[in-house]
Amino acid sequence: MTLEGARPSKSVEILRRGLMLVLSSPSGAGKTTISRRLLDIDPGLVLSISATTRPMRPSEQGGVDYDFVDHATFDRLVAEGAFLEHAKVFDHQYGTPRAAVEHSLAAGRDVLFDIDWQGTQQLAQSARADLVSVFILPPTIAALEQRLKTRAQDSADVVARRMAKAADEMSHWAEYDYIIVNDDLEVSIQRVRAILLAERLKRHRQVGLAEFVKGLREGT
């Protein structure tokens, strides 16, 4: 509400460079669920669509969840330098297309990445100033295993492989900017939103700030 007789203030728009928000976790710890909820509630966030050589799951759509390509196409894109990062995970390859991400950042849009620690390391090497990384931990190992079994997307053998790999994945927690223990989904989502808000306000991302302050000082 505004005071009676007062005019509502006009929002000040300052040119901002977008950021790359990375969410990583062991399979089943919640990064995909959190990612989807963030995209539903935050119009300023767009998903980085990775290319992958793995088969499409029944619940997925090509060009929405991933760009599904064959191994020959993926290898050609790697050779052309078309990926910001790429990695092999569970016998399949994943990569982030460079051009679409760079276009979004320049336009002031934030890009959400659902990638593992290997991809995060590559992004840190090539674009650290744009990167905000969050690692999501499960509350317990038992909870992680139960989530993998409950989602019923993988065979028992694949679940066992993912559980065996979880300890190695979690060992990379210290390489991330922020850590969230996902024992309550709604709380975890709010914590990621708080991180995103703070990072958007960082001085070095507000590339139009110098011009704005200059105008204030000159009275324009």
C-alpha atoms as a PDB file:
ATOM      1  CA  MET A   1       0.000   0.000   0.000  1.00  0.00           C
ATOM      2  CA  THR A   2       1.036   3.628  -0.544  1.00  0.00           C
ATOM      3  CA  LEU A   3       0.307   6.613   1.652  1.00  0.00           C
ATOM      4  CA  GLU A   4      -2.919   8.442   0.818  1.00  0.00           C
ATOM      5  CA  GLY A   5      -2.289  11.022  -1.861  1.00  0.00           C
ATOM      6  CA  ALA A   6       1.201   9.721  -2.608  1.00  0.00           C
ATOM      7  CA  ARG A   7       2.196   8.393  -6.001  1.00  0.00           C
ATOM      8  CA  PRO A   8       3.679   4.893  -6.150  1.00  0.00           C
ATOM      9  CA  SER A   9       7.384   5.065  -6.885  1.00  0.00           C
ATOM     10  CA  LYS A  10       8.680   3.832 -10.221  1.00  0.00           C
ATOM     11  CA  SER A  11      11.047   0.882 -10.052  1.00  0.00           C
ATOM     12  CA  VAL A  12      14.617   1.808 -10.947  1.00  0.00           C
ATOM     13  CA  GLU A  13      16.130  -0.436 -13.603  1.00  0.00           C
ATOM     14  CA  ILE A  14      19.919  -0.755 -13.566  1.00  0.00           C
ATOM     15  CA  LEU A  15      21.595  -2.710 -16.335  1.00  0.00           C
ATOM     16  CA  ARG A  16      22.843  -6.008 -14.932  1.00  0.00           C
ATOM     17  CA  ARG A  17      24.862  -8.900 -16.312  1.00  0.00           C
ATOM     18  CA  GLY A  18      23.264 -12.275 -15.739  1.00  0.00           C
ATOM     19  CA  LEU A  19      24.809 -14.975 -13.583  1.00  0.00           C
ATOM     20  CA  MET A  20      25.250 -18.727 -13.878  1.00  0.00           C
ATOM     21  CA  LEU A  21      23.528 -20.497 -10.962  1.00  0.00           C
ATOM     22  CA  VAL A  22      24.805 -24.049 -10.613  1.00  0.00           C
ATOM     23  CA  LEU A  23      22.990 -26.623  -8.506  1.00  0.00           C
ATOM     24  CA  SER A  24      24.851 -29.889  -7.928  1.00  0.00           C
ATOM     25  CA  SER A  25      24.148 -32.902  -5.743  1.00  0.00           C
ATOM     26  CA  PRO A  26      24.368 -36.675  -5.703  1.00  0.00           C
ATOM     27  CA  SER A  27      21.552 -38.248  -7.702  1.00  0.00           C
ATOM     28  CA  GLY A  28      18.401 -38.207  -5.590  1.00  0.00           C
ATOM     29  CA  ALA A  29      19.399 -35.380  -3.247  1.00  0.00           C
ATOM     30  CA  GLY A  30      16.924 -32.966  -4.813  1.00  0.00           C
ATOM     31  CA  LYS A  31      18.673 -30.684  -7.287  1.00  0.00           C
ATOM     32  CA  THR A  32      16.311 -31.415 -10.177  1.00  0.00           C
ATOM     33  CA  THR A  33      13.178 -30.895  -8.058  1.00  0.00           C
ATOM     34  CA  ILE A  34      14.545 -27.629  -6.659  1.00  0.00           C
ATOM     35  CA  SER A  35      15.573 -26.502 -10.146  1.00  0.00           C
ATOM     36  CA  ARG A  36      12.089 -27.058 -11.550  1.00  0.00           C
ATOM     37  CA  ARG A  37      10.437 -25.185  -8.688  1.00  0.00           C
ATOM     38  CA  LEU A  38      12.805 -22.238  -9.077  1.00  0.00           C
ATOM     39  CA  LEU A  39      12.009 -22.018 -12.777  1.00  0.00           C
ATOM     40  CA  ASP A  40       8.273 -22.050 -12.012  1.00  0.00           C
ATOM     41  CA  ILE A  41       8.430 -19.172  -9.528  1.00  0.00           C
ATOM     42  CA  ASP A  42      11.250 -16.984 -10.871  1.00  0.00           C
ATOM     43  CA  PRO A  43      10.641 -15.460 -14.325  1.00  0.00           C
ATOM     44  CA  GLY A  44      14.172 -14.019 -14.378  1.00  0.00           C
ATOM     45  CA  LEU A  45      15.702 -17.486 -14.454  1.00  0.00           C
ATOM     46  CA  VAL A  46      16.151 -19.636 -17.564  1.00  0.00           C
ATOM     47  CA  LEU A  47      17.348 -23.226 -17.755  1.00  0.00           C
ATOM     48  CA  SER A  48      20.549 -24.163 -19.521  1.00  0.00           C
ATOM     49  CA  ILE A  49      19.553 -27.066 -21.754  1.00  0.00           C
ATOM     50  CA  SER A  50      22.429 -29.521 -21.813  1.00  0.00           C
ATOM     51  CA  ALA A  51      23.202 -31.868 -24.677  1.00  0.00           C
ATOM     52  CA  THR A  52      23.498 -35.519 -23.695  1.00  0.00           C
ATOM     53  CA  THR A  53      24.099 -38.893 -25.264  1.00  0.00           C
ATOM     54  CA  ARG A  54      21.982 -40.788 -22.741  1.00  0.00           C
ATOM     55  CA  PRO A  55      18.559 -42.175 -23.720  1.00  0.00           C
ATOM     56  CA  MET A  56      15.503 -40.059 -23.042  1.00  0.00           C
ATOM     57  CA  ARG A  57      13.408 -41.118 -20.034  1.00  0.00           C
ATOM     58  CA  PRO A  58       9.610 -41.499 -20.394  1.00  0.00           C
ATOM     59  CA  SER A  59       8.972 -38.314 -18.388  1.00  0.00           C
ATOM     60  CA  GLU A  60      11.374 -36.168 -20.465  1.00  0.00           C
ATOM     61  CA  GLN A  61      11.039 -34.101 -23.630  1.00  0.00           C
ATOM     62  CA  GLY A  62      13.773 -33.377 -26.143  1.00  0.00           C
ATOM     63  CA  GLY A  63      14.749 -29.698 -26.188  1.00  0.00           C
ATOM     64  CA  VAL A  64      13.049 -29.159 -22.821  1.00  0.00           C
ATOM     65  CA  ASP A  65      14.931 -31.381 -20.395  1.00  0.00           C
ATOM     66  CA  TYR A  66      17.948 -32.101 -22.624  1.00  0.00           C
ATOM     67  CA  ASP A  67      19.018 -32.004 -26.243  1.00  0.00           C
ATOM     68  CA  PHE A  68      19.432 -35.708 -26.953  1.00  0.00           C
ATOM     69  CA  VAL A  69      22.199 -36.375 -29.494  1.00  0.00           C
ATOM     70  CA  ASP A  70      24.247 -39.344 -30.631  1.00  0.00           C
ATOM     71  CA  HIS A  71      27.891 -39.853 -29.742  1.00  0.00           C
ATOM     72  CA  ALA A  72      29.180 -38.716 -33.143  1.00  0.00           C
ATOM     73  CA  THR A  73      27.292 -35.407 -32.915  1.00  0.00           C
ATOM     74  CA  PHE A  74      28.484 -34.841 -29.354  1.00  0.00           C
ATOM     75  CA  ASP A  75      32.123 -35.491 -30.290  1.00  0.00           C
ATOM     76  CA  ARG A  76      31.839 -33.058 -33.207  1.00  0.00           C
ATOM     77  CA  LEU A  77      30.478 -30.322 -30.916  1.00  0.00           C
ATOM     78  CA  VAL A  78      33.348 -30.888 -28.472  1.00  0.00           C
ATOM     79  CA  ALA A  79      35.864 -30.566 -31.313  1.00  0.00           C
ATOM     80  CA  GLU A  80      34.219 -27.317 -32.442  1.00  0.00           C
ATOM     81  CA  GLY A  81      34.466 -25.809 -28.938  1.00  0.00           C
ATOM     82  CA  ALA A  82      30.703 -25.505 -28.751  1.00  0.00           C
ATOM     83  CA  PHE A  83      30.475 -26.414 -25.048  1.00  0.00           C
ATOM     84  CA  LEU A  84      31.245 -24.299 -21.981  1.00  0.00           C
ATOM     85  CA  GLU A  85      31.772 -27.562 -20.125  1.00  0.00           C
ATOM     86  CA  HIS A  86      31.323 -31.238 -20.816  1.00  0.00           C
ATOM     87  CA  ALA A  87      31.743 -34.427 -18.815  1.00  0.00           C
ATOM     88  CA  LYS A  88      31.110 -38.158 -18.879  1.00  0.00           C
ATOM     89  CA  VAL A  89      28.751 -39.435 -16.191  1.00  0.00           C
ATOM     90  CA  PHE A  90      27.574 -43.048 -15.885  1.00  0.00           C
ATOM     91  CA  ASP A  91      28.717 -43.965 -19.414  1.00  0.00           C
ATOM     92  CA  HIS A  92      26.956 -41.001 -21.003  1.00  0.00           C
ATOM     93  CA  GLN A  93      28.252 -37.573 -22.023  1.00  0.00           C
ATOM     94  CA  TYR A  94      26.775 -34.195 -21.066  1.00  0.00           C
ATOM     95  CA  GLY A  95      27.666 -30.718 -22.295  1.00  0.00           C
ATOM     96  CA  THR A  96      26.519 -27.096 -21.921  1.00  0.00           C
ATOM     97  CA  PRO A  97      26.130 -25.197 -25.228  1.00  0.00           C
ATOM     98  CA  ARG A  98      28.232 -22.026 -25.092  1.00  0.00           C
ATOM     99  CA  ALA A  99      26.370 -19.651 -27.427  1.00  0.00           C
ATOM    100  CA  ALA A 100      22.945 -19.769 -25.743  1.00  0.00           C
ATOM    101  CA  VAL A 101      24.396 -19.172 -22.262  1.00  0.00           C
ATOM    102  CA  GLU A 102      26.596 -16.252 -23.288  1.00  0.00           C
ATOM    103  CA  HIS A 103      23.661 -14.608 -25.083  1.00  0.00           C
ATOM    104  CA  SER A 104      21.470 -14.880 -21.957  1.00  0.00           C
ATOM    105  CA  LEU A 105      24.147 -13.472 -19.634  1.00  0.00           C
ATOM    106  CA  ALA A 106      24.775 -10.484 -21.896  1.00  0.00           C
ATOM    107  CA  ALA A 107      21.019  -9.800 -21.955  1.00  0.00           C
ATOM    108  CA  GLY A 108      20.856  -9.758 -18.136  1.00  0.00           C
ATOM    109  CA  ARG A 109      19.152 -13.130 -17.758  1.00  0.00           C
ATOM    110  CA  ASP A 110      20.282 -15.628 -15.130  1.00  0.00           C
ATOM    111  CA  VAL A 111      20.968 -19.174 -16.279  1.00  0.00           C
ATOM    112  CA  LEU A 112      20.321 -22.227 -14.112  1.00  0.00           C
ATOM    113  CA  PHE A 113      22.586 -25.271 -14.452  1.00  0.00           C
ATOM    114  CA  ASP A 114      21.799 -28.769 -13.195  1.00  0.00           C
ATOM    115  CA  ILE A 115      25.300 -30.228 -13.550  1.00  0.00           C
ATOM    116  CA  ASP A 116      27.832 -32.249 -11.550  1.00  0.00           C
ATOM    117  CA  TRP A 117      31.099 -31.240  -9.883  1.00  0.00           C
ATOM    118  CA  GLN A 118      33.168 -31.915 -13.011  1.00  0.00           C
ATOM    119  CA  GLY A 119      31.162 -29.447 -15.064  1.00  0.00           C
ATOM    120  CA  THR A 120      31.199 -26.938 -12.215  1.00  0.00           C
ATOM    121  CA  GLN A 121      34.997 -27.067 -12.086  1.00  0.00           C
ATOM    122  CA  GLN A 122      35.190 -26.343 -15.812  1.00  0.00           C
ATOM    123  CA  LEU A 123      32.835 -23.368 -15.473  1.00  0.00           C
ATOM    124  CA  ALA A 124      34.924 -22.062 -12.582  1.00  0.00           C
ATOM    125  CA  GLN A 125      38.013 -22.183 -14.786  1.00  0.00           C
ATOM    126  CA  SER A 126      36.411 -20.432 -17.754  1.00  0.00           C
ATOM    127  CA  ALA A 127      33.888 -17.994 -16.197  1.00  0.00           C
ATOM    128  CA  ARG A 128      34.421 -17.668 -12.430  1.00  0.00           C
ATOM    129  CA  ALA A 129      33.065 -14.122 -12.198  1.00  0.00           C
ATOM    130  CA  ASP A 130      29.702 -15.248 -13.598  1.00  0.00           C
ATOM    131  CA  LEU A 131      29.447 -18.412 -11.486  1.00  0.00           C
ATOM    132  CA  VAL A 132      27.398 -18.981  -8.324  1.00  0.00           C
ATOM    133  CA  SER A 133      27.641 -22.612  -7.202  1.00  0.00           C
ATOM    134  CA  VAL A 134      25.410 -24.440  -4.717  1.00  0.00           C
ATOM    135  CA  PHE A 135      25.903 -28.024  -3.544  1.00  0.00           C
ATOM    136  CA  ILE A 136      22.878 -29.846  -2.156  1.00  0.00           C
ATOM    137  CA  LEU A 137      23.422 -32.595   0.413  1.00  0.00           C
ATOM    138  CA  PRO A 138      20.900 -35.205   1.580  1.00  0.00           C
ATOM    139  CA  PRO A 139      20.082 -35.290   5.312  1.00  0.00           C
ATOM    140  CA  THR A 140      21.219 -38.937   5.537  1.00  0.00           C
ATOM    141  CA  ILE A 141      22.512 -41.677   3.245  1.00  0.00           C
ATOM    142  CA  ALA A 142      19.390 -43.712   4.015  1.00  0.00           C
ATOM    143  CA  ALA A 143      17.202 -40.832   2.819  1.00  0.00           C
ATOM    144  CA  LEU A 144      19.219 -40.575  -0.381  1.00  0.00           C
ATOM    145  CA  GLU A 145      18.782 -44.275  -1.155  1.00  0.00           C
ATOM    146  CA  GLN A 146      15.066 -44.123  -0.390  1.00  0.00           C
ATOM    147  CA  ARG A 147      14.586 -41.180  -2.769  1.00  0.00           C
ATOM    148  CA  LEU A 148      16.360 -43.037  -5.566  1.00  0.00           C
ATOM    149  CA  LYS A 149      14.166 -46.098  -5.066  1.00  0.00           C
ATOM    150  CA  THR A 150      10.959 -44.066  -4.725  1.00  0.00           C
ATOM    151  CA  ARG A 151      11.337 -42.174  -7.995  1.00  0.00           C
ATOM    152  CA  ALA A 152      11.432 -45.564  -9.833  1.00  0.00           C
ATOM    153  CA  GLN A 153      13.258 -44.200 -12.878  1.00  0.00           C
ATOM    154  CA  ASP A 154      16.251 -46.516 -12.660  1.00  0.00           C
ATOM    155  CA  SER A 155      16.891 -50.227 -12.264  1.00  0.00           C
ATOM    156  CA  ALA A 156      18.180 -51.662  -8.997  1.00  0.00           C
ATOM    157  CA  ASP A 157      21.632 -51.970 -10.571  1.00  0.00           C
ATOM    158  CA  VAL A 158      21.673 -48.288 -11.558  1.00  0.00           C
ATOM    159  CA  VAL A 159      20.482 -47.263  -8.079  1.00  0.00           C
ATOM    160  CA  ALA A 160      23.353 -49.258  -6.568  1.00  0.00           C
ATOM    161  CA  ARG A 161      25.846 -47.546  -8.912  1.00  0.00           C
ATOM    162  CA  ARG A 162      24.506 -44.120  -8.018  1.00  0.00           C
ATOM    163  CA  MET A 163      24.767 -44.865  -4.304  1.00  0.00           C
ATOM    164  CA  ALA A 164      28.353 -46.069  -4.738  1.00  0.00           C
ATOM    165  CA  LYS A 165      29.219 -42.844  -6.569  1.00  0.00           C
ATOM    166  CA  ALA A 166      27.484 -40.562  -4.045  1.00  0.00           C
ATOM    167  CA  ALA A 167      30.371 -40.578  -1.552  1.00  0.00           C
ATOM    168  CA  ASP A 168      32.811 -39.398  -4.221  1.00  0.00           C
ATOM    169  CA  GLU A 169      30.422 -36.693  -5.415  1.00  0.00           C
ATOM    170  CA  MET A 170      29.860 -35.411  -1.888  1.00  0.00           C
ATOM    171  CA  SER A 171      33.610 -35.181  -1.305  1.00  0.00           C
ATOM    172  CA  HIS A 172      33.630 -32.116  -3.594  1.00  0.00           C
ATOM    173  CA  TRP A 173      31.344 -30.041  -1.342  1.00  0.00           C
ATOM    174  CA  ALA A 174      34.149 -27.662  -0.341  1.00  0.00           C
ATOM    175  CA  GLU A 175      34.600 -26.519  -3.957  1.00  0.00           C
ATOM    176  CA  TYR A 176      31.182 -24.803  -3.920  1.00  0.00           C
ATOM    177  CA  ASP A 177      30.180 -21.304  -2.819  1.00  0.00           C
ATOM    178  CA  TYR A 178      27.136 -22.443  -0.823  1.00  0.00           C
ATOM    179  CA  ILE A 179      25.984 -25.683   0.836  1.00  0.00           C
ATOM    180  CA  ILE A 180      22.365 -26.639   1.535  1.00  0.00           C
ATOM    181  CA  VAL A 181      21.222 -29.760   3.412  1.00  0.00           C
ATOM    182  CA  ASN A 182      17.931 -30.694   1.788  1.00  0.00           C
ATOM    183  CA  ASP A 183      15.945 -32.088   4.709  1.00  0.00           C
ATOM    184  CA  ASP A 184      12.944 -29.872   3.919  1.00  0.00           C
ATOM    185  CA  LEU A 185      12.225 -29.111   0.267  1.00  0.00           C
ATOM    186  CA  GLU A 186      10.373 -25.822   0.810  1.00  0.00           C
ATOM    187  CA  VAL A 187      13.089 -24.479   3.118  1.00  0.00           C
ATOM    188  CA  SER A 188      15.789 -25.506   0.620  1.00  0.00           C
ATOM    189  CA  ILE A 189      13.998 -23.680  -2.190  1.00  0.00           C
ATOM    190  CA  GLN A 190      13.753 -20.503  -0.105  1.00  0.00           C
ATOM    191  CA  ARG A 191      17.442 -20.708   0.745  1.00  0.00           C
ATOM    192  CA  VAL A 192      18.416 -20.960  -2.914  1.00  0.00           C
ATOM    193  CA  ARG A 193      16.150 -17.989  -3.689  1.00  0.00           C
ATOM    194  CA  ALA A 194      17.894 -15.968  -0.955  1.00  0.00           C
ATOM    195  CA  ILE A 195      21.285 -16.832  -2.465  1.00  0.00           C
ATOM    196  CA  LEU A 196      20.072 -15.789  -5.900  1.00  0.00           C
ATOM    197  CA  LEU A 197      18.745 -12.443  -4.661  1.00  0.00           C
ATOM    198  CA  ALA A 198      21.988 -11.591  -2.863  1.00  0.00           C
ATOM    199  CA  GLU A 199      24.140 -12.559  -5.824  1.00  0.00           C
ATOM    200  CA  ARG A 200      22.039 -10.478  -8.228  1.00  0.00           C
ATOM    201  CA  LEU A 201      22.738  -7.418  -6.068  1.00  0.00           C
ATOM    202  CA  LYS A 202      26.519  -7.804  -6.076  1.00  0.00           C
ATOM    203  CA  ARG A 203      28.215  -4.659  -7.309  1.00  0.00           C
ATOM    204  CA  HIS A 204      30.273  -6.234 -10.100  1.00  0.00           C
ATOM    205  CA  ARG A 205      27.151  -7.677 -11.754  1.00  0.00           C
ATOM    206  CA  GLN A 206      25.352  -4.320 -11.883  1.00  0.00           C
ATOM    207  CA  VAL A 207      27.217  -3.110 -14.932  1.00  0.00           C
ATOM    208  CA  GLY A 208      24.986  -0.046 -15.273  1.00  0.00           C
ATOM    209  CA  LEU A 209      25.643   1.155 -11.724  1.00  0.00           C
ATOM    210  CA  ALA A 210      28.446   3.595 -12.562  1.00  0.00           C
ATOM    211  CA  GLU A 211      26.237   5.390 -15.076  1.00  0.00           C
ATOM    212  CA  PHE A 212      23.324   5.436 -12.624  1.00  0.00           C
ATOM    213  CA  VAL A 213      25.449   6.931  -9.801  1.00  0.00           C
ATOM    214  CA  LYS A 214      26.897   9.467 -12.221  1.00  0.00           C
ATOM    215  CA  GLY A 215      23.381  10.599 -13.023  1.00  0.00           C
ATOM    216  CA  LEU A 216      22.536  10.899  -9.336  1.00  0.00           C
ATOM    217  CA  ARG A 217      25.587  13.033  -8.685  1.00  0.00           C
ATOM    218  CA  GLU A 218      24.789  15.268 -11.624  1.00  0.00           C
ATOM    219  CA  GLY A 219      21.179  15.590 -10.546  1.00  0.00           C
ATOM    220  CA  THR A 220      19.727  13.931 -13.637  1.00  0.00           C
END
